């Protein structure tokens, strides 16, 4: 999950650099196209048998949600300050916690629900509805976070029966045609160094996705996603050096609140998981650590 987070952060930087020429929807298509190219060796290694599945309709639904998340997220990265766009994506673990209860049946206790509410307060600090600083772009970034949480839950659900490489292969293959349709409305042939940024976006995004899928197979979705906060370090440094973007104090404060709530969630669940090994009372309520 840590490797995935750093790679996704670098991908965001490549997206911003490519946006100097291309629309974010077209960047999303090229990210998926080159991601598919980089993942072909995996298909050759496993052979066509890895694509055998009884869950193709679920894959289609998962990829449609993923495209919404990707298009909204890419738009936010291009049109909002980089740190703010990433900070709002930090609300994803909050939505994952809710989805983990409703869909995966994970047990969430009162303290964790309190942390979720505190996290949403941090989101409000970043967005500041009703103030002059509020923009509709913030809502687009939140839409990306909600859809991303749905994707995380769907991957966790699929990983119960599907090979992680199959999930990545199906996702990448389906995303190419799905993302091509909106890209055609804004098509402009890339030139010069833009090719480097979109190729890197494809490589970094696919590699990060592979790491993310494996992480979600090994651990609880609601515990792993807070690690994504490392991404703010990557984008903050590049945002300042490359784009001259200083961190807004409200973004820093809101991100810190959301970060704190998610760190508490992760530490709380990790402690309960360790106690479950030896404490029979906790073990009755807590699934055995995987």
C-alpha atoms as a PDB file:
ATOM      1  CA  UNK A   1       0.000   0.000   0.000  1.00  0.00           C
ATOM      2  CA  UNK A   2       2.909   2.343   0.699  1.00  0.00           C
ATOM      3  CA  UNK A   3       4.413   1.715  -2.744  1.00  0.00           C
ATOM      4  CA  UNK A   4       0.985   2.209  -4.308  1.00  0.00           C
ATOM      5  CA  UNK A   5       0.579   5.541  -2.539  1.00  0.00           C
ATOM      6  CA  UNK A   6       3.915   6.969  -3.690  1.00  0.00           C
ATOM      7  CA  UNK A   7       3.343   5.813  -7.271  1.00  0.00           C
ATOM      8  CA  UNK A   8      -0.145   7.332  -7.373  1.00  0.00           C
ATOM      9  CA  UNK A   9       1.335  10.603  -6.114  1.00  0.00           C
ATOM     10  CA  UNK A  10       3.905  10.640  -8.921  1.00  0.00           C
ATOM     11  CA  UNK A  11       1.146   9.809 -11.410  1.00  0.00           C
ATOM     12  CA  UNK A  12      -0.794  12.889 -10.231  1.00  0.00           C
ATOM     13  CA  UNK A  13       2.249  15.036 -10.989  1.00  0.00           C
ATOM     14  CA  UNK A  14       2.499  13.566 -14.501  1.00  0.00           C
ATOM     15  CA  UNK A  15      -1.204  14.283 -15.047  1.00  0.00           C
ATOM     16  CA  UNK A  16      -0.741  17.931 -14.110  1.00  0.00           C
ATOM     17  CA  UNK A  17       2.289  18.223 -16.431  1.00  0.00           C
ATOM     18  CA  UNK A  18       0.381  16.620 -19.324  1.00  0.00           C
ATOM     19  CA  UNK A  19      -2.575  18.962 -18.745  1.00  0.00           C
ATOM     20  CA  UNK A  20      -0.547  21.844 -20.164  1.00  0.00           C
ATOM     21  CA  UNK A  21      -1.621  20.474 -23.556  1.00  0.00           C
ATOM     22  CA  UNK A  22      -4.316  17.828 -23.043  1.00  0.00           C
ATOM     23  CA  UNK A  23      -7.781  17.754 -21.456  1.00  0.00           C
ATOM     24  CA  UNK A  24      -7.947  15.563 -18.313  1.00  0.00           C
ATOM     25  CA  UNK A  25     -10.384  13.157 -20.023  1.00  0.00           C
ATOM     26  CA  UNK A  26      -7.873  12.531 -22.806  1.00  0.00           C
ATOM     27  CA  UNK A  27      -5.107  12.082 -20.241  1.00  0.00           C
ATOM     28  CA  UNK A  28      -7.278   9.453 -18.533  1.00  0.00           C
ATOM     29  CA  UNK A  29      -7.583   7.538 -21.810  1.00  0.00           C
ATOM     30  CA  UNK A  30      -3.837   7.556 -22.445  1.00  0.00           C
ATOM     31  CA  UNK A  31      -3.182   6.544 -18.833  1.00  0.00           C
ATOM     32  CA  UNK A  32      -5.391   3.490 -19.407  1.00  0.00           C
ATOM     33  CA  UNK A  33      -4.054   2.740 -22.882  1.00  0.00           C
ATOM     34  CA  UNK A  34      -0.405   2.730 -21.866  1.00  0.00           C
ATOM     35  CA  UNK A  35      -1.338   0.999 -18.626  1.00  0.00           C
ATOM     36  CA  UNK A  36      -2.768  -1.816 -20.736  1.00  0.00           C
ATOM     37  CA  UNK A  37       0.447  -1.963 -22.796  1.00  0.00           C
ATOM     38  CA  UNK A  38       2.563  -2.270 -19.650  1.00  0.00           C
ATOM     39  CA  UNK A  39       0.349  -5.015 -18.259  1.00  0.00           C
ATOM     40  CA  UNK A  40       0.415  -7.254 -21.358  1.00  0.00           C
ATOM     41  CA  UNK A  41       3.421  -9.282 -20.095  1.00  0.00           C
ATOM     42  CA  UNK A  42       1.308 -10.324 -17.124  1.00  0.00           C
ATOM     43  CA  UNK A  43      -1.369 -11.667 -19.479  1.00  0.00           C
ATOM     44  CA  UNK A  44       1.241 -13.586 -21.479  1.00  0.00           C
ATOM     45  CA  UNK A  45       2.692 -15.041 -18.275  1.00  0.00           C
ATOM     46  CA  UNK A  46      -0.625 -16.309 -16.933  1.00  0.00           C
ATOM     47  CA  UNK A  47      -2.251 -17.146 -20.262  1.00  0.00           C
ATOM     48  CA  UNK A  48      -5.931 -16.679 -21.232  1.00  0.00           C
ATOM     49  CA  UNK A  49      -7.034 -18.996 -18.415  1.00  0.00           C
ATOM     50  CA  UNK A  50      -6.635 -16.176 -15.872  1.00  0.00           C
ATOM     51  CA  UNK A  51      -9.506 -14.326 -17.555  1.00  0.00           C
ATOM     52  CA  UNK A  52     -12.002 -17.103 -16.823  1.00  0.00           C
ATOM     53  CA  UNK A  53     -14.584 -15.706 -14.462  1.00  0.00           C
ATOM     54  CA  UNK A  54     -18.248 -15.899 -13.525  1.00  0.00           C
ATOM     55  CA  UNK A  55     -18.276 -12.293 -12.325  1.00  0.00           C
ATOM     56  CA  UNK A  56     -17.996 -10.377 -15.605  1.00  0.00           C
ATOM     57  CA  UNK A  57     -21.132  -8.249 -14.896  1.00  0.00           C
ATOM     58  CA  UNK A  58     -19.610  -7.239 -11.552  1.00  0.00           C
ATOM     59  CA  UNK A  59     -16.343  -6.356 -13.306  1.00  0.00           C
ATOM     60  CA  UNK A  60     -18.278  -4.123 -15.725  1.00  0.00           C
ATOM     61  CA  UNK A  61     -20.054  -2.335 -12.876  1.00  0.00           C
ATOM     62  CA  UNK A  62     -16.816  -1.957 -10.921  1.00  0.00           C
ATOM     63  CA  UNK A  63     -15.062  -0.485 -13.976  1.00  0.00           C
ATOM     64  CA  UNK A  64     -17.891   1.957 -14.709  1.00  0.00           C
ATOM     65  CA  UNK A  65     -17.631   3.260 -11.154  1.00  0.00           C
ATOM     66  CA  UNK A  66     -13.867   3.356 -11.522  1.00  0.00           C
ATOM     67  CA  UNK A  67     -14.103   5.468 -14.684  1.00  0.00           C
ATOM     68  CA  UNK A  68     -16.300   7.983 -12.876  1.00  0.00           C
ATOM     69  CA  UNK A  69     -13.726   8.133 -10.093  1.00  0.00           C
ATOM     70  CA  UNK A  70     -10.843   8.494 -12.537  1.00  0.00           C
ATOM     71  CA  UNK A  71     -12.414  11.225 -14.688  1.00  0.00           C
ATOM     72  CA  UNK A  72     -13.516  13.212 -11.643  1.00  0.00           C
ATOM     73  CA  UNK A  73     -10.143  12.728  -9.951  1.00  0.00           C
ATOM     74  CA  UNK A  74      -8.133  13.733 -13.042  1.00  0.00           C
ATOM     75  CA  UNK A  75     -10.342  16.810 -13.508  1.00  0.00           C
ATOM     76  CA  UNK A  76      -9.746  17.811  -9.880  1.00  0.00           C
ATOM     77  CA  UNK A  77      -5.973  17.336 -10.177  1.00  0.00           C
ATOM     78  CA  UNK A  78      -5.883  19.593 -13.230  1.00  0.00           C
ATOM     79  CA  UNK A  79      -8.314  22.303 -12.058  1.00  0.00           C
ATOM     80  CA  UNK A  80      -7.720  22.502  -8.304  1.00  0.00           C
ATOM     81  CA  UNK A  81      -4.499  23.203  -6.407  1.00  0.00           C
ATOM     82  CA  UNK A  82      -2.696  19.871  -6.421  1.00  0.00           C
ATOM     83  CA  UNK A  83      -2.509  19.567  -2.630  1.00  0.00           C
ATOM     84  CA  UNK A  84      -6.200  20.413  -2.211  1.00  0.00           C
ATOM     85  CA  UNK A  85      -7.265  17.830  -4.789  1.00  0.00           C
ATOM     86  CA  UNK A  86      -5.214  15.133  -3.044  1.00  0.00           C
ATOM     87  CA  UNK A  87      -6.313  16.289   0.420  1.00  0.00           C
ATOM     88  CA  UNK A  88      -9.972  15.845  -0.550  1.00  0.00           C
ATOM     89  CA  UNK A  89      -9.169  12.376  -1.858  1.00  0.00           C
ATOM     90  CA  UNK A  90      -8.199  11.557   1.723  1.00  0.00           C
ATOM     91  CA  UNK A  91     -11.907  11.341   2.534  1.00  0.00           C
ATOM     92  CA  UNK A  92     -11.941   8.046   0.627  1.00  0.00           C
ATOM     93  CA  UNK A  93     -11.097   5.975   3.772  1.00  0.00           C
ATOM     94  CA  UNK A  94     -14.101   7.498   5.520  1.00  0.00           C
ATOM     95  CA  UNK A  95     -16.402   6.324   2.757  1.00  0.00           C
ATOM     96  CA  UNK A  96     -14.565   2.973   2.694  1.00  0.00           C
ATOM     97  CA  UNK A  97     -15.381   2.476   6.384  1.00  0.00           C
ATOM     98  CA  UNK A  98     -19.066   3.000   5.687  1.00  0.00           C
ATOM     99  CA  UNK A  99     -18.932   0.683   2.680  1.00  0.00           C
ATOM    100  CA  UNK A 100     -16.981  -1.962   4.602  1.00  0.00           C
ATOM    101  CA  UNK A 101     -19.866  -2.193   7.054  1.00  0.00           C
ATOM    102  CA  UNK A 102     -22.668  -2.186   4.491  1.00  0.00           C
ATOM    103  CA  UNK A 103     -21.074  -4.454   1.882  1.00  0.00           C
ATOM    104  CA  UNK A 104     -18.281  -6.490   3.475  1.00  0.00           C
ATOM    105  CA  UNK A 105     -19.861  -6.950   6.898  1.00  0.00           C
ATOM    106  CA  UNK A 106     -16.793  -5.642   8.737  1.00  0.00           C
ATOM    107  CA  UNK A 107     -17.380  -4.740  12.387  1.00  0.00           C
ATOM    108  CA  UNK A 108     -17.042  -1.028  13.192  1.00  0.00           C
ATOM    109  CA  UNK A 109     -17.332   0.132  16.796  1.00  0.00           C
ATOM    110  CA  UNK A 110     -18.395   3.412  18.379  1.00  0.00           C
ATOM    111  CA  UNK A 111     -14.902   4.906  18.598  1.00  0.00           C
ATOM    112  CA  UNK A 112     -14.286   4.287  14.936  1.00  0.00           C
ATOM    113  CA  UNK A 113     -17.616   5.871  13.968  1.00  0.00           C
ATOM    114  CA  UNK A 114     -16.614   8.917  16.032  1.00  0.00           C
ATOM    115  CA  UNK A 115     -13.348   9.110  14.125  1.00  0.00           C
ATOM    116  CA  UNK A 116     -15.289   8.984  10.850  1.00  0.00           C
ATOM    117  CA  UNK A 117     -17.458  11.935  11.949  1.00  0.00           C
ATOM    118  CA  UNK A 118     -14.357  13.898  12.949  1.00  0.00           C
ATOM    119  CA  UNK A 119     -12.864  13.118   9.543  1.00  0.00           C
ATOM    120  CA  UNK A 120     -15.894  14.543   7.779  1.00  0.00           C
ATOM    121  CA  UNK A 121     -15.453  17.713   9.838  1.00  0.00           C
ATOM    122  CA  UNK A 122     -11.981  17.946   8.345  1.00  0.00           C
ATOM    123  CA  UNK A 123     -13.483  17.641   4.861  1.00  0.00           C
ATOM    124  CA  UNK A 124     -15.771  20.593   5.634  1.00  0.00           C
ATOM    125  CA  UNK A 125     -12.739  22.621   6.735  1.00  0.00           C
ATOM    126  CA  UNK A 126     -11.071  21.982   3.367  1.00  0.00           C
ATOM    127  CA  UNK A 127     -14.183  22.646   1.293  1.00  0.00           C
ATOM    128  CA  UNK A 128     -15.527  25.522   3.445  1.00  0.00           C
ATOM    129  CA  UNK A 129     -19.070  25.562   2.051  1.00  0.00           C
ATOM    130  CA  UNK A 130     -20.665  29.001   2.143  1.00  0.00           C
ATOM    131  CA  UNK A 131     -17.357  30.872   2.002  1.00  0.00           C
ATOM    132  CA  UNK A 132     -15.820  32.738  -0.929  1.00  0.00           C
ATOM    133  CA  UNK A 133     -13.196  29.997  -1.194  1.00  0.00           C
ATOM    134  CA  UNK A 134     -15.784  27.317  -1.961  1.00  0.00           C
ATOM    135  CA  UNK A 135     -15.806  26.049  -5.555  1.00  0.00           C
ATOM    136  CA  UNK A 136     -17.821  23.451  -7.404  1.00  0.00           C
ATOM    137  CA  UNK A 137     -14.512  21.785  -8.194  1.00  0.00           C
ATOM    138  CA  UNK A 138     -14.320  20.652  -4.581  1.00  0.00           C
ATOM    139  CA  UNK A 139     -17.521  18.675  -5.090  1.00  0.00           C
ATOM    140  CA  UNK A 140     -15.980  16.982  -8.130  1.00  0.00           C
ATOM    141  CA  UNK A 141     -13.041  15.917  -5.969  1.00  0.00           C
ATOM    142  CA  UNK A 142     -15.452  14.534  -3.359  1.00  0.00           C
ATOM    143  CA  UNK A 143     -17.327  12.637  -6.084  1.00  0.00           C
ATOM    144  CA  UNK A 144     -14.012  11.048  -7.021  1.00  0.00           C
ATOM    145  CA  UNK A 145     -13.468  10.059  -3.370  1.00  0.00           C
ATOM    146  CA  UNK A 146     -16.900   8.435  -3.048  1.00  0.00           C
ATOM    147  CA  UNK A 147     -16.449   6.506  -6.292  1.00  0.00           C
ATOM    148  CA  UNK A 148     -12.909   5.519  -5.273  1.00  0.00           C
ATOM    149  CA  UNK A 149     -14.249   4.108  -2.017  1.00  0.00           C
ATOM    150  CA  UNK A 150     -16.755   2.050  -3.973  1.00  0.00           C
ATOM    151  CA  UNK A 151     -13.904   0.743  -6.119  1.00  0.00           C
ATOM    152  CA  UNK A 152     -11.910  -0.239  -3.022  1.00  0.00           C
ATOM    153  CA  UNK A 153     -14.888  -2.153  -1.644  1.00  0.00           C
ATOM    154  CA  UNK A 154     -15.502  -3.872  -4.975  1.00  0.00           C
ATOM    155  CA  UNK A 155     -11.853  -4.955  -5.195  1.00  0.00           C
ATOM    156  CA  UNK A 156     -12.035  -6.352  -1.675  1.00  0.00           C
ATOM    157  CA  UNK A 157     -15.185  -8.254  -2.644  1.00  0.00           C
ATOM    158  CA  UNK A 158     -13.671  -9.604  -5.869  1.00  0.00           C
ATOM    159  CA  UNK A 159     -10.409 -10.589  -4.155  1.00  0.00           C
ATOM    160  CA  UNK A 160     -12.308 -13.187  -2.128  1.00  0.00           C
ATOM    161  CA  UNK A 161     -12.567 -15.387  -5.231  1.00  0.00           C
ATOM    162  CA  UNK A 162     -10.602 -13.699  -8.036  1.00  0.00           C
ATOM    163  CA  UNK A 163      -6.842 -13.642  -8.600  1.00  0.00           C
ATOM    164  CA  UNK A 164      -5.439 -10.135  -7.984  1.00  0.00           C
ATOM    165  CA  UNK A 165      -3.755 -10.136 -11.393  1.00  0.00           C
ATOM    166  CA  UNK A 166      -7.094 -10.991 -13.016  1.00  0.00           C
ATOM    167  CA  UNK A 167      -8.694  -7.994 -11.316  1.00  0.00           C
ATOM    168  CA  UNK A 168      -5.991  -5.674 -12.645  1.00  0.00           C
ATOM    169  CA  UNK A 169      -6.141  -7.191 -16.150  1.00  0.00           C
ATOM    170  CA  UNK A 170      -9.911  -6.967 -16.456  1.00  0.00           C
ATOM    171  CA  UNK A 171      -9.964  -3.452 -15.029  1.00  0.00           C
ATOM    172  CA  UNK A 172      -7.278  -2.162 -17.369  1.00  0.00           C
ATOM    173  CA  UNK A 173      -8.778  -3.790 -20.462  1.00  0.00           C
ATOM    174  CA  UNK A 174     -12.268  -2.472 -19.778  1.00  0.00           C
ATOM    175  CA  UNK A 175     -11.072   1.015 -18.859  1.00  0.00           C
ATOM    176  CA  UNK A 176      -9.474   1.580 -22.282  1.00  0.00           C
ATOM    177  CA  UNK A 177     -12.712   1.617 -24.339  1.00  0.00           C
ATOM    178  CA  UNK A 178     -14.710   3.163 -21.492  1.00  0.00           C
ATOM    179  CA  UNK A 179     -12.348   6.134 -21.218  1.00  0.00           C
ATOM    180  CA  UNK A 180     -12.001   6.564 -24.989  1.00  0.00           C
ATOM    181  CA  UNK A 181     -15.596   7.759 -25.396  1.00  0.00           C
ATOM    182  CA  UNK A 182     -15.330  10.946 -23.264  1.00  0.00           C
ATOM    183  CA  UNK A 183     -11.780  11.562 -24.551  1.00  0.00           C
ATOM    184  CA  UNK A 184     -12.986  11.820 -28.164  1.00  0.00           C
ATOM    185  CA  UNK A 185     -14.958  14.972 -27.319  1.00  0.00           C
ATOM    186  CA  UNK A 186     -11.713  16.769 -26.385  1.00  0.00           C
ATOM    187  CA  UNK A 187      -9.212  14.995 -28.637  1.00  0.00           C
ATOM    188  CA  UNK A 188      -5.890  16.638 -29.443  1.00  0.00           C
ATOM    189  CA  UNK A 189      -2.875  14.662 -30.610  1.00  0.00           C
ATOM    190  CA  UNK A 190      -0.064  14.875 -28.016  1.00  0.00           C
ATOM    191  CA  UNK A 191       3.225  16.459 -29.067  1.00  0.00           C
ATOM    192  CA  UNK A 192       6.722  16.701 -27.633  1.00  0.00           C
ATOM    193  CA  UNK A 193       7.357  15.951 -23.979  1.00  0.00           C
ATOM    194  CA  UNK A 194       3.640  15.419 -23.367  1.00  0.00           C
ATOM    195  CA  UNK A 195       4.154  11.885 -24.660  1.00  0.00           C
ATOM    196  CA  UNK A 196       6.582  11.235 -21.803  1.00  0.00           C
ATOM    197  CA  UNK A 197       4.087  12.400 -19.167  1.00  0.00           C
ATOM    198  CA  UNK A 198       1.199  10.273 -20.468  1.00  0.00           C
ATOM    199  CA  UNK A 199       3.395   7.186 -20.872  1.00  0.00           C
ATOM    200  CA  UNK A 200       4.681   7.634 -17.322  1.00  0.00           C
ATOM    201  CA  UNK A 201       1.123   8.148 -16.086  1.00  0.00           C
ATOM    202  CA  UNK A 202       0.174   4.799 -17.602  1.00  0.00           C
ATOM    203  CA  UNK A 203       3.170   2.974 -16.138  1.00  0.00           C
ATOM    204  CA  UNK A 204       2.889   4.520 -12.674  1.00  0.00           C
ATOM    205  CA  UNK A 205      -0.889   4.128 -12.525  1.00  0.00           C
ATOM    206  CA  UNK A 206      -0.867   0.453 -13.524  1.00  0.00           C
ATOM    207  CA  UNK A 207       1.988  -0.434 -11.175  1.00  0.00           C
ATOM    208  CA  UNK A 208       0.272   1.426  -8.332  1.00  0.00           C
ATOM    209  CA  UNK A 209      -2.990  -0.362  -9.112  1.00  0.00           C
ATOM    210  CA  UNK A 210      -1.258  -3.756  -8.914  1.00  0.00           C
ATOM    211  CA  UNK A 211       0.207  -2.883  -5.505  1.00  0.00           C
ATOM    212  CA  UNK A 212      -3.163  -1.574  -4.311  1.00  0.00           C
ATOM    213  CA  UNK A 213      -5.020  -4.723  -5.377  1.00  0.00           C
ATOM    214  CA  UNK A 214      -2.562  -6.980  -3.580  1.00  0.00           C
ATOM    215  CA  UNK A 215      -2.725  -4.841  -0.444  1.00  0.00           C
ATOM    216  CA  UNK A 216      -6.535  -5.014  -0.340  1.00  0.00           C
ATOM    217  CA  UNK A 217      -6.382  -8.799  -0.707  1.00  0.00           C
ATOM    218  CA  UNK A 218      -4.054  -9.083   2.299  1.00  0.00           C
ATOM    219  CA  UNK A 219      -5.730  -6.709   4.762  1.00  0.00           C
ATOM    220  CA  UNK A 220      -8.952  -4.929   5.724  1.00  0.00           C
ATOM    221  CA  UNK A 221      -9.837  -2.156   3.301  1.00  0.00           C
ATOM    222  CA  UNK A 222     -10.711   0.261   6.092  1.00  0.00           C
ATOM    223  CA  UNK A 223      -7.300  -0.307   7.744  1.00  0.00           C
ATOM    224  CA  UNK A 224      -5.071  -0.025   4.686  1.00  0.00           C
ATOM    225  CA  UNK A 225      -6.424   3.052   2.929  1.00  0.00           C
ATOM    226  CA  UNK A 226      -5.210   5.571   5.583  1.00  0.00           C
ATOM    227  CA  UNK A 227      -1.663   4.821   4.406  1.00  0.00           C
ATOM    228  CA  UNK A 228      -2.560   6.822   1.296  1.00  0.00           C
ATOM    229  CA  UNK A 229      -1.866   9.979   3.329  1.00  0.00           C
ATOM    230  CA  UNK A 230       1.783   9.634   2.335  1.00  0.00           C
ATOM    231  CA  UNK A 231       0.672  10.936  -1.033  1.00  0.00           C
ATOM    232  CA  UNK A 232       0.329  14.479   0.317  1.00  0.00           C
ATOM    233  CA  UNK A 233       4.083  14.592   0.941  1.00  0.00           C
ATOM    234  CA  UNK A 234       4.818  13.677  -2.663  1.00  0.00           C
ATOM    235  CA  UNK A 235       2.363  16.112  -4.253  1.00  0.00           C
ATOM    236  CA  UNK A 236       3.148  18.945  -1.825  1.00  0.00           C
ATOM    237  CA  UNK A 237       6.859  18.848  -2.706  1.00  0.00           C
ATOM    238  CA  UNK A 238       6.266  18.604  -6.459  1.00  0.00           C
ATOM    239  CA  UNK A 239       3.434  21.146  -6.314  1.00  0.00           C
ATOM    240  CA  UNK A 240       5.752  23.700  -4.720  1.00  0.00           C
ATOM    241  CA  UNK A 241       8.829  22.970  -6.862  1.00  0.00           C
ATOM    242  CA  UNK A 242       7.139  22.586 -10.259  1.00  0.00           C
ATOM    243  CA  UNK A 243       3.993  24.709 -10.009  1.00  0.00           C
ATOM    244  CA  UNK A 244       4.782  27.218  -7.269  1.00  0.00           C
ATOM    245  CA  UNK A 245       1.755  26.128  -5.232  1.00  0.00           C
ATOM    246  CA  UNK A 246       1.925  26.899  -1.532  1.00  0.00           C
ATOM    247  CA  UNK A 247      -0.194  24.886   0.889  1.00  0.00           C
ATOM    248  CA  UNK A 248      -3.319  26.769   1.959  1.00  0.00           C
ATOM    249  CA  UNK A 249      -3.663  26.829   5.761  1.00  0.00           C
ATOM    250  CA  UNK A 250      -7.260  25.578   5.588  1.00  0.00           C
ATOM    251  CA  UNK A 251      -6.195  22.693   3.371  1.00  0.00           C
ATOM    252  CA  UNK A 252      -3.423  21.823   5.823  1.00  0.00           C
ATOM    253  CA  UNK A 253      -5.769  22.046   8.825  1.00  0.00           C
ATOM    254  CA  UNK A 254      -8.535  20.040   7.183  1.00  0.00           C
ATOM    255  CA  UNK A 255      -6.116  17.415   5.879  1.00  0.00           C
ATOM    256  CA  UNK A 256      -4.585  17.131   9.366  1.00  0.00           C
ATOM    257  CA  UNK A 257      -8.034  16.504  10.894  1.00  0.00           C
ATOM    258  CA  UNK A 258      -8.907  13.873   8.295  1.00  0.00           C
ATOM    259  CA  UNK A 259      -5.429  12.366   8.645  1.00  0.00           C
ATOM    260  CA  UNK A 260      -5.745  12.168  12.428  1.00  0.00           C
ATOM    261  CA  UNK A 261      -9.131  10.476  12.270  1.00  0.00           C
ATOM    262  CA  UNK A 262      -7.892   7.862   9.827  1.00  0.00           C
ATOM    263  CA  UNK A 263      -4.682   7.214  11.737  1.00  0.00           C
ATOM    264  CA  UNK A 264      -6.794   6.584  14.840  1.00  0.00           C
ATOM    265  CA  UNK A 265      -8.980   4.170  12.882  1.00  0.00           C
ATOM    266  CA  UNK A 266      -5.942   2.272  11.607  1.00  0.00           C
ATOM    267  CA  UNK A 267      -4.230   2.052  15.030  1.00  0.00           C
ATOM    268  CA  UNK A 268      -7.456   1.081  16.781  1.00  0.00           C
ATOM    269  CA  UNK A 269      -8.209  -1.745  14.376  1.00  0.00           C
ATOM    270  CA  UNK A 270      -4.619  -2.987  14.377  1.00  0.00           C
ATOM    271  CA  UNK A 271      -4.650  -3.138  18.193  1.00  0.00           C
ATOM    272  CA  UNK A 272      -7.941  -5.035  18.223  1.00  0.00           C
ATOM    273  CA  UNK A 273      -6.591  -7.453  15.641  1.00  0.00           C
ATOM    274  CA  UNK A 274      -3.574  -8.210  17.849  1.00  0.00           C
ATOM    275  CA  UNK A 275      -5.759  -8.655  20.931  1.00  0.00           C
ATOM    276  CA  UNK A 276      -8.046 -11.000  19.043  1.00  0.00           C
ATOM    277  CA  UNK A 277      -5.274 -13.585  18.908  1.00  0.00           C
ATOM    278  CA  UNK A 278      -5.260 -14.114  22.686  1.00  0.00           C
ATOM    279  CA  UNK A 279      -8.404 -12.463  24.072  1.00  0.00           C
ATOM    280  CA  UNK A 280     -11.426 -14.814  23.751  1.00  0.00           C
ATOM    281  CA  UNK A 281     -13.922 -12.054  24.506  1.00  0.00           C
ATOM    282  CA  UNK A 282     -12.630  -9.855  21.699  1.00  0.00           C
ATOM    283  CA  UNK A 283     -12.158 -12.876  19.473  1.00  0.00           C
ATOM    284  CA  UNK A 284     -15.879 -13.535  19.621  1.00  0.00           C
ATOM    285  CA  UNK A 285     -16.540 -10.248  17.846  1.00  0.00           C
ATOM    286  CA  UNK A 286     -13.441  -9.750  15.745  1.00  0.00           C
ATOM    287  CA  UNK A 287     -12.577 -11.776  12.630  1.00  0.00           C
ATOM    288  CA  UNK A 288      -9.286 -13.606  12.872  1.00  0.00           C
ATOM    289  CA  UNK A 289      -6.384 -11.624  11.392  1.00  0.00           C
ATOM    290  CA  UNK A 290      -5.526 -12.615   7.861  1.00  0.00           C
END
